[in-house]
Amino acid sequence: MTMTVTVKLFASFRQFFPENPGGVLTLNLDTNQKVSDVINQVGLPPDTPRIIFVNGVIRGQDTCLAPGDIISIFPHIAGG
C-alpha cells in the first residue's frame, strides 16, 4: 500500500530538487515510512544539520509519516 506526502526543501537544500527550483516535491511512499526514509530518498547528506517540520511541528527523523503529511526541511542556520 502507498501514500502520498509533500516534501518542501528550503535554502541550500533546494539544490537536491534541480528539476523543481521551487523546492517542492510530491512523493509516493510505502506505508510505515519515516522522515529518515524521505531524507534518504531525496539524497540529503546524512551528516548535514537540519531542522525538520511535519505539518508545521518540529519533529525528528524517527517520525512516522501518514498520508498527506507535509515535510519541510531547512538547513541549520547559525547567526549572531
PDB file of N, CA and C in Angstrom:
ATOM      1  N   MET A   1       0.843  -1.175   0.000  1.00  0.00           N
ATOM      2  CA  MET A   1       0.000   0.000   0.000  1.00  0.00           C
ATOM      3  C   MET A   1       0.889   1.239   0.000  1.00  0.00           C
ATOM      4  N   THR A   2       0.464   2.288  -0.656  1.00  0.00           N
ATOM      5  CA  THR A   2       1.271   3.502  -0.753  1.00  0.00           C
ATOM      6  C   THR A   2       0.527   4.699  -0.189  1.00  0.00           C
ATOM      7  N   MET A   3       1.294   5.759   0.038  1.00  0.00           N
ATOM      8  CA  MET A   3       0.730   7.025   0.483  1.00  0.00           C
ATOM      9  C   MET A   3       1.490   8.145  -0.209  1.00  0.00           C
ATOM     10  N   THR A   4       0.869   9.306  -0.258  1.00  0.00           N
ATOM     11  CA  THR A   4       1.477  10.472  -0.881  1.00  0.00           C
ATOM     12  C   THR A   4       1.800  11.503   0.197  1.00  0.00           C
ATOM     13  N   VAL A   5       3.023  12.053   0.144  1.00  0.00           N
ATOM     14  CA  VAL A   5       3.431  13.137   1.037  1.00  0.00           C
ATOM     15  C   VAL A   5       4.048  14.243   0.194  1.00  0.00           C
ATOM     16  N   THR A   6       4.105  15.436   0.756  1.00  0.00           N
ATOM     17  CA  THR A   6       4.734  16.570   0.098  1.00  0.00           C
ATOM     18  C   THR A   6       6.002  16.919   0.851  1.00  0.00           C
ATOM     19  N   VAL A   7       7.081  17.111   0.113  1.00  0.00           N
ATOM     20  CA  VAL A   7       8.363  17.483   0.703  1.00  0.00           C
ATOM     21  C   VAL A   7       8.715  18.876   0.196  1.00  0.00           C
ATOM     22  N   LYS A   8       9.066  19.754   1.148  1.00  0.00           N
ATOM     23  CA  LYS A   8       9.495  21.106   0.806  1.00  0.00           C
ATOM     24  C   LYS A   8      10.908  21.298   1.338  1.00  0.00           C
ATOM     25  N   LEU A   9      11.829  21.580   0.434  1.00  0.00           N
ATOM     26  CA  LEU A   9      13.204  21.861   0.817  1.00  0.00           C
ATOM     27  C   LEU A   9      13.443  23.362   0.704  1.00  0.00           C
ATOM     28  N   PHE A  10      14.205  23.898   1.664  1.00  0.00           N
ATOM     29  CA  PHE A  10      14.429  25.335   1.718  1.00  0.00           C
ATOM     30  C   PHE A  10      15.910  25.671   1.628  1.00  0.00           C
ATOM     31  N   ALA A  11      16.176  26.897   1.204  1.00  0.00           N
ATOM     32  CA  ALA A  11      17.523  27.474   1.110  1.00  0.00           C
ATOM     33  C   ALA A  11      18.451  26.554   0.308  1.00  0.00           C
ATOM     34  N   SER A  12      19.614  26.246   0.847  1.00  0.00           N
ATOM     35  CA  SER A  12      20.608  25.471   0.088  1.00  0.00           C
ATOM     36  C   SER A  12      20.152  24.044  -0.208  1.00  0.00           C
ATOM     37  N   PHE A  13      19.156  23.537   0.504  1.00  0.00           N
ATOM     38  CA  PHE A  13      18.668  22.183   0.236  1.00  0.00           C
ATOM     39  C   PHE A  13      17.892  22.083  -1.084  1.00  0.00           C
ATOM     40  N   ARG A  14      17.485  23.208  -1.652  1.00  0.00           N
ATOM     41  CA  ARG A  14      16.748  23.166  -2.928  1.00  0.00           C
ATOM     42  C   ARG A  14      17.575  22.581  -4.069  1.00  0.00           C
ATOM     43  N   GLN A  15      18.886  22.602  -3.923  1.00  0.00           N
ATOM     44  CA  GLN A  15      19.748  22.034  -4.965  1.00  0.00           C
ATOM     45  C   GLN A  15      19.488  20.544  -5.180  1.00  0.00           C
ATOM     46  N   PHE A  16      18.848  19.885  -4.219  1.00  0.00           N
ATOM     47  CA  PHE A  16      18.570  18.459  -4.348  1.00  0.00           C
ATOM     48  C   PHE A  16      17.323  18.190  -5.187  1.00  0.00           C
ATOM     49  N   PHE A  17      16.599  19.250  -5.574  1.00  0.00           N
ATOM     50  CA  PHE A  17      15.451  19.131  -6.485  1.00  0.00           C
ATOM     51  C   PHE A  17      15.722  19.980  -7.720  1.00  0.00           C
ATOM     52  N   PRO A  18      16.780  19.695  -8.477  1.00  0.00           N
ATOM     53  CA  PRO A  18      17.117  20.575  -9.609  1.00  0.00           C
ATOM     54  C   PRO A  18      16.014  20.661 -10.654  1.00  0.00           C
ATOM     55  N   GLU A  19      15.194  19.629 -10.760  1.00  0.00           N
ATOM     56  CA  GLU A  19      14.107  19.659 -11.731  1.00  0.00           C
ATOM     57  C   GLU A  19      12.944  20.512 -11.258  1.00  0.00           C
ATOM     58  N   ASN A  20      12.978  20.938  -9.995  1.00  0.00           N
ATOM     59  CA  ASN A  20      11.905  21.758  -9.440  1.00  0.00           C
ATOM     60  C   ASN A  20      12.532  22.859  -8.590  1.00  0.00           C
ATOM     61  N   PRO A  21      12.857  23.995  -9.195  1.00  0.00           N
ATOM     62  CA  PRO A  21      13.553  25.051  -8.460  1.00  0.00           C
ATOM     63  C   PRO A  21      12.753  25.623  -7.300  1.00  0.00           C
ATOM     64  N   GLY A  22      11.458  25.371  -7.245  1.00  0.00           N
ATOM     65  CA  GLY A  22      10.650  25.825  -6.114  1.00  0.00           C
ATOM     66  C   GLY A  22      10.883  25.012  -4.859  1.00  0.00           C
ATOM     67  N   GLY A  23      11.550  23.874  -4.983  1.00  0.00           N
ATOM     68  CA  GLY A  23      11.890  23.056  -3.830  1.00  0.00           C
ATOM     69  C   GLY A  23      10.762  22.209  -3.279  1.00  0.00           C
ATOM     70  N   VAL A  24       9.705  22.002  -4.071  1.00  0.00           N
ATOM     71  CA  VAL A  24       8.559  21.212  -3.598  1.00  0.00           C
ATOM     72  C   VAL A  24       8.430  19.958  -4.457  1.00  0.00           C
ATOM     73  N   LEU A  25       8.239  18.832  -3.790  1.00  0.00           N
ATOM     74  CA  LEU A  25       8.130  17.558  -4.483  1.00  0.00           C
ATOM     75  C   LEU A  25       7.050  16.718  -3.819  1.00  0.00           C
ATOM     76  N   THR A  26       6.263  16.042  -4.622  1.00  0.00           N
ATOM     77  CA  THR A  26       5.287  15.092  -4.104  1.00  0.00           C
ATOM     78  C   THR A  26       5.856  13.693  -4.283  1.00  0.00           C
ATOM     79  N   LEU A  27       5.883  12.930  -3.193  1.00  0.00           N
ATOM     80  CA  LEU A  27       6.431  11.578  -3.230  1.00  0.00           C
ATOM     81  C   LEU A  27       5.360  10.553  -2.919  1.00  0.00           C
ATOM     82  N   ASN A  28       5.420   9.443  -3.622  1.00  0.00           N
ATOM     83  CA  ASN A  28       4.597   8.278  -3.291  1.00  0.00           C
ATOM     84  C   ASN A  28       5.494   7.309  -2.529  1.00  0.00           C
ATOM     85  N   LEU A  29       5.097   7.006  -1.310  1.00  0.00           N
ATOM     86  CA  LEU A  29       5.900   6.150  -0.433  1.00  0.00           C
ATOM     87  C   LEU A  29       5.102   4.934  -0.016  1.00  0.00           C
ATOM     88  N   ASP A  30       5.823   3.903   0.373  1.00  0.00           N
ATOM     89  CA  ASP A  30       5.172   2.775   1.035  1.00  0.00           C
ATOM     90  C   ASP A  30       4.690   3.245   2.401  1.00  0.00           C
ATOM     91  N   THR A  31       3.657   2.612   2.917  1.00  0.00           N
ATOM     92  CA  THR A  31       3.214   2.942   4.266  1.00  0.00           C
ATOM     93  C   THR A  31       4.309   2.567   5.262  1.00  0.00           C
ATOM     94  N   ASN A  32       4.211   3.069   6.463  1.00  0.00           N
ATOM     95  CA  ASN A  32       5.184   2.824   7.536  1.00  0.00           C
ATOM     96  C   ASN A  32       6.548   3.437   7.255  1.00  0.00           C
ATOM     97  N   GLN A  33       6.581   4.515   6.489  1.00  0.00           N
ATOM     98  CA  GLN A  33       7.844   5.210   6.228  1.00  0.00           C
ATOM     99  C   GLN A  33       8.056   6.297   7.271  1.00  0.00           C
ATOM    100  N   LYS A  34       9.316   6.658   7.475  1.00  0.00           N
ATOM    101  CA  LYS A  34       9.683   7.697   8.427  1.00  0.00           C
ATOM    102  C   LYS A  34      10.326   8.867   7.688  1.00  0.00           C
ATOM    103  N   VAL A  35      10.490   9.969   8.399  1.00  0.00           N
ATOM    104  CA  VAL A  35      11.158  11.131   7.825  1.00  0.00           C
ATOM    105  C   VAL A  35      12.546  10.744   7.316  1.00  0.00           C
ATOM    106  N   SER A  36      13.256   9.898   8.032  1.00  0.00           N
ATOM    107  CA  SER A  36      14.599   9.478   7.598  1.00  0.00           C
ATOM    108  C   SER A  36      14.565   8.804   6.230  1.00  0.00           C
ATOM    109  N   ASP A  37      13.496   8.081   5.924  1.00  0.00           N
ATOM    110  CA  ASP A  37      13.365   7.448   4.609  1.00  0.00           C
ATOM    111  C   ASP A  37      13.225   8.498   3.508  1.00  0.00           C
ATOM    112  N   VAL A  38      12.484   9.574   3.804  1.00  0.00           N
ATOM    113  CA  VAL A  38      12.328  10.663   2.838  1.00  0.00           C
ATOM    114  C   VAL A  38      13.673  11.356   2.620  1.00  0.00           C
ATOM    115  N   ILE A  39      14.393  11.614   3.701  1.00  0.00           N
ATOM    116  CA  ILE A  39      15.700  12.266   3.604  1.00  0.00           C
ATOM    117  C   ILE A  39      16.638  11.447   2.715  1.00  0.00           C
ATOM    118  N   ASN A  40      16.627  10.137   2.899  1.00  0.00           N
ATOM    119  CA  ASN A  40      17.461   9.271   2.060  1.00  0.00           C
ATOM    120  C   ASN A  40      17.007   9.292   0.610  1.00  0.00           C
ATOM    121  N   GLN A  41      15.703   9.279   0.394  1.00  0.00           N
ATOM    122  CA  GLN A  41      15.169   9.227  -0.967  1.00  0.00           C
ATOM    123  C   GLN A  41      15.497  10.493  -1.757  1.00  0.00           C
ATOM    124  N   VAL A  42      15.467  11.660  -1.109  1.00  0.00           N
ATOM    125  CA  VAL A  42      15.767  12.891  -1.847  1.00  0.00           C
ATOM    126  C   VAL A  42      17.260  13.164  -1.935  1.00  0.00           C
ATOM    127  N   GLY A  43      18.077  12.382  -1.218  1.00  0.00           N
ATOM    128  CA  GLY A  43      19.518  12.477  -1.358  1.00  0.00           C
ATOM    129  C   GLY A  43      20.208  13.505  -0.487  1.00  0.00           C
ATOM    130  N   LEU A  44      19.569  13.921   0.605  1.00  0.00           N
ATOM    131  CA  LEU A  44      20.246  14.835   1.523  1.00  0.00           C
ATOM    132  C   LEU A  44      21.384  14.101   2.224  1.00  0.00           C
ATOM    133  N   PRO A  45      22.546  14.728   2.327  1.00  0.00           N
ATOM    134  CA  PRO A  45      23.656  14.074   3.024  1.00  0.00           C
ATOM    135  C   PRO A  45      23.274  13.775   4.481  1.00  0.00           C
ATOM    136  N   PRO A  46      23.585  12.580   4.963  1.00  0.00           N
ATOM    137  CA  PRO A  46      23.147  12.182   6.302  1.00  0.00           C
ATOM    138  C   PRO A  46      23.767  12.990   7.429  1.00  0.00           C
ATOM    139  N   ASP A  47      24.926  13.607   7.204  1.00  0.00           N
ATOM    140  CA  ASP A  47      25.599  14.332   8.274  1.00  0.00           C
ATOM    141  C   ASP A  47      25.327  15.836   8.259  1.00  0.00           C
ATOM    142  N   THR A  48      24.426  16.293   7.397  1.00  0.00           N
ATOM    143  CA  THR A  48      24.117  17.716   7.299  1.00  0.00           C
ATOM    144  C   THR A  48      23.090  18.103   8.362  1.00  0.00           C
ATOM    145  N   PRO A  49      23.418  19.077   9.224  1.00  0.00           N
ATOM    146  CA  PRO A  49      22.433  19.516  10.230  1.00  0.00           C
ATOM    147  C   PRO A  49      21.193  20.091   9.555  1.00  0.00           C
ATOM    148  N   ARG A  50      20.051  19.813  10.121  1.00  0.00           N
ATOM    149  CA  ARG A  50      18.788  20.257   9.519  1.00  0.00           C
ATOM    150  C   ARG A  50      17.711  20.418  10.589  1.00  0.00           C
ATOM    151  N   ILE A  51      16.705  21.199  10.245  1.00  0.00           N
ATOM    152  CA  ILE A  51      15.518  21.357  11.082  1.00  0.00           C
ATOM    153  C   ILE A  51      14.360  20.800  10.273  1.00  0.00           C
ATOM    154  N   ILE A  52      13.582  19.920  10.895  1.00  0.00           N
ATOM    155  CA  ILE A  52      12.508  19.218  10.197  1.00  0.00           C
ATOM    156  C   ILE A  52      11.166  19.569  10.828  1.00  0.00           C
ATOM    157  N   PHE A  53      10.222  19.937   9.978  1.00  0.00           N
ATOM    158  CA  PHE A  53       8.847  20.147  10.403  1.00  0.00           C
ATOM    159  C   PHE A  53       7.969  19.126   9.694  1.00  0.00           C
ATOM    160  N   VAL A  54       7.029  18.547  10.400  1.00  0.00           N
ATOM    161  CA  VAL A  54       5.997  17.716   9.789  1.00  0.00           C
ATOM    162  C   VAL A  54       4.665  18.366  10.148  1.00  0.00           C
ATOM    163  N   ASN A  55       3.962  18.829   9.125  1.00  0.00           N
ATOM    164  CA  ASN A  55       2.691  19.529   9.311  1.00  0.00           C
ATOM    165  C   ASN A  55       2.838  20.723  10.252  1.00  0.00           C
ATOM    166  N   GLY A  56       3.959  21.438  10.129  1.00  0.00           N
ATOM    167  CA  GLY A  56       4.167  22.663  10.884  1.00  0.00           C
ATOM    168  C   GLY A  56       4.693  22.496  12.301  1.00  0.00           C
ATOM    169  N   VAL A  57       5.019  21.275  12.703  1.00  0.00           N
ATOM    170  CA  VAL A  57       5.523  20.997  14.047  1.00  0.00           C
ATOM    171  C   VAL A  57       6.922  20.406  13.936  1.00  0.00           C
ATOM    172  N   ILE A  58       7.857  20.914  14.741  1.00  0.00           N
ATOM    173  CA  ILE A  58       9.221  20.377  14.706  1.00  0.00           C
ATOM    174  C   ILE A  58       9.199  18.906  15.108  1.00  0.00           C
ATOM    175  N   ARG A  59       9.826  18.083  14.294  1.00  0.00           N
ATOM    176  CA  ARG A  59       9.875  16.639  14.518  1.00  0.00           C
ATOM    177  C   ARG A  59      11.280  16.124  14.236  1.00  0.00           C
ATOM    178  N   GLY A  60      11.528  14.894  14.637  1.00  0.00           N
ATOM    179  CA  GLY A  60      12.809  14.246  14.383  1.00  0.00           C
ATOM    180  C   GLY A  60      12.724  13.304  13.200  1.00  0.00           C
ATOM    181  N   GLN A  61      13.868  12.733  12.864  1.00  0.00           N
ATOM    182  CA  GLN A  61      13.944  11.827  11.724  1.00  0.00           C
ATOM    183  C   GLN A  61      13.213  10.509  11.967  1.00  0.00           C
ATOM    184  N   ASP A  62      12.926  10.188  13.223  1.00  0.00           N
ATOM    185  CA  ASP A  62      12.226   8.940  13.547  1.00  0.00           C
ATOM    186  C   ASP A  62      10.710   9.050  13.421  1.00  0.00           C
ATOM    187  N   THR A  63      10.220  10.225  13.066  1.00  0.00           N
ATOM    188  CA  THR A  63       8.778  10.452  12.979  1.00  0.00           C
ATOM    189  C   THR A  63       8.171   9.605  11.867  1.00  0.00           C
ATOM    190  N   CYS A  64       7.132   8.847  12.208  1.00  0.00           N
ATOM    191  CA  CYS A  64       6.393   8.065  11.216  1.00  0.00           C
ATOM    192  C   CYS A  64       5.481   8.992  10.437  1.00  0.00           C
ATOM    193  N   LEU A  65       5.372   8.739   9.152  1.00  0.00           N
ATOM    194  CA  LEU A  65       4.572   9.586   8.277  1.00  0.00           C
ATOM    195  C   LEU A  65       3.207   8.990   8.010  1.00  0.00           C
ATOM    196  N   ALA A  66       2.271   9.881   7.698  1.00  0.00           N
ATOM    197  CA  ALA A  66       0.910   9.485   7.358  1.00  0.00           C
ATOM    198  C   ALA A  66       0.554  10.094   6.004  1.00  0.00           C
ATOM    199  N   PRO A  67      -0.435   9.538   5.321  1.00  0.00           N
ATOM    200  CA  PRO A  67      -0.834  10.097   4.026  1.00  0.00           C
ATOM    201  C   PRO A  67      -1.174  11.580   4.137  1.00  0.00           C
ATOM    202  N   GLY A  68      -0.680  12.351   3.186  1.00  0.00           N
ATOM    203  CA  GLY A  68      -0.971  13.777   3.141  1.00  0.00           C
ATOM    204  C   GLY A  68      -0.053  14.654   3.969  1.00  0.00           C
ATOM    205  N   ASP A  69       0.897  14.065   4.695  1.00  0.00           N
ATOM    206  CA  ASP A  69       1.812  14.865   5.508  1.00  0.00           C
ATOM    207  C   ASP A  69       2.629  15.810   4.634  1.00  0.00           C
ATOM    208  N   ILE A  70       2.992  16.946   5.224  1.00  0.00           N
ATOM    209  CA  ILE A  70       3.869  17.911   4.570  1.00  0.00           C
ATOM    210  C   ILE A  70       5.147  17.978   5.392  1.00  0.00           C
ATOM    211  N   ILE A  71       6.251  17.610   4.766  1.00  0.00           N
ATOM    212  CA  ILE A  71       7.549  17.593   5.427  1.00  0.00           C
ATOM    213  C   ILE A  71       8.349  18.774   4.902  1.00  0.00           C
ATOM    214  N   SER A  72       8.726  19.690   5.795  1.00  0.00           N
ATOM    215  CA  SER A  72       9.529  20.856   5.438  1.00  0.00           C
ATOM    216  C   SER A  72      10.899  20.690   6.070  1.00  0.00           C
ATOM    217  N   ILE A  73      11.946  20.825   5.266  1.00  0.00           N
ATOM    218  CA  ILE A  73      13.305  20.595   5.755  1.00  0.00           C
ATOM    219  C   ILE A  73      14.149  21.843   5.465  1.00  0.00           C
ATOM    220  N   PHE A  74      14.716  22.386   6.539  1.00  0.00           N
ATOM    221  CA  PHE A  74      15.530  23.579   6.482  1.00  0.00           C
ATOM    222  C   PHE A  74      16.962  23.250   6.883  1.00  0.00           C
ATOM    223  N   PRO A  75      17.949  23.878   6.239  1.00  0.00           N
ATOM    224  CA  PRO A  75      19.314  23.717   6.738  1.00  0.00           C
ATOM    225  C   PRO A  75      19.437  24.442   8.072  1.00  0.00           C
ATOM    226  N   HIS A  76      20.272  23.928   8.947  1.00  0.00           N
ATOM    227  CA  HIS A  76      20.517  24.601  10.222  1.00  0.00           C
ATOM    228  C   HIS A  76      21.313  25.856   9.942  1.00  0.00           C
ATOM    229  N   ILE A  77      20.810  26.966  10.413  1.00  0.00           N
ATOM    230  CA  ILE A  77      21.459  28.250  10.150  1.00  0.00           C
ATOM    231  C   ILE A  77      21.886  28.858  11.482  1.00  0.00           C
ATOM    232  N   ALA A  78      23.152  29.180  11.573  1.00  0.00           N
ATOM    233  CA  ALA A  78      23.661  29.828  12.781  1.00  0.00           C
ATOM    234  C   ALA A  78      23.940  31.292  12.461  1.00  0.00           C
ATOM    235  N   GLY A  79      23.738  32.113  13.422  1.00  0.00           N
ATOM    236  CA  GLY A  79      23.998  33.525  13.217  1.00  0.00           C
ATOM    237  C   GLY A  79      24.291  34.204  14.535  1.00  0.00           C
ATOM    238  N   GLY A  80      24.551  35.459  14.450  1.00  0.00           N
ATOM    239  CA  GLY A  80      24.850  36.127  15.698  1.00  0.00           C
ATOM    240  C   GLY A  80      24.726  37.575  15.667  1.00  0.00           C
TER     241      GLY A  80
END
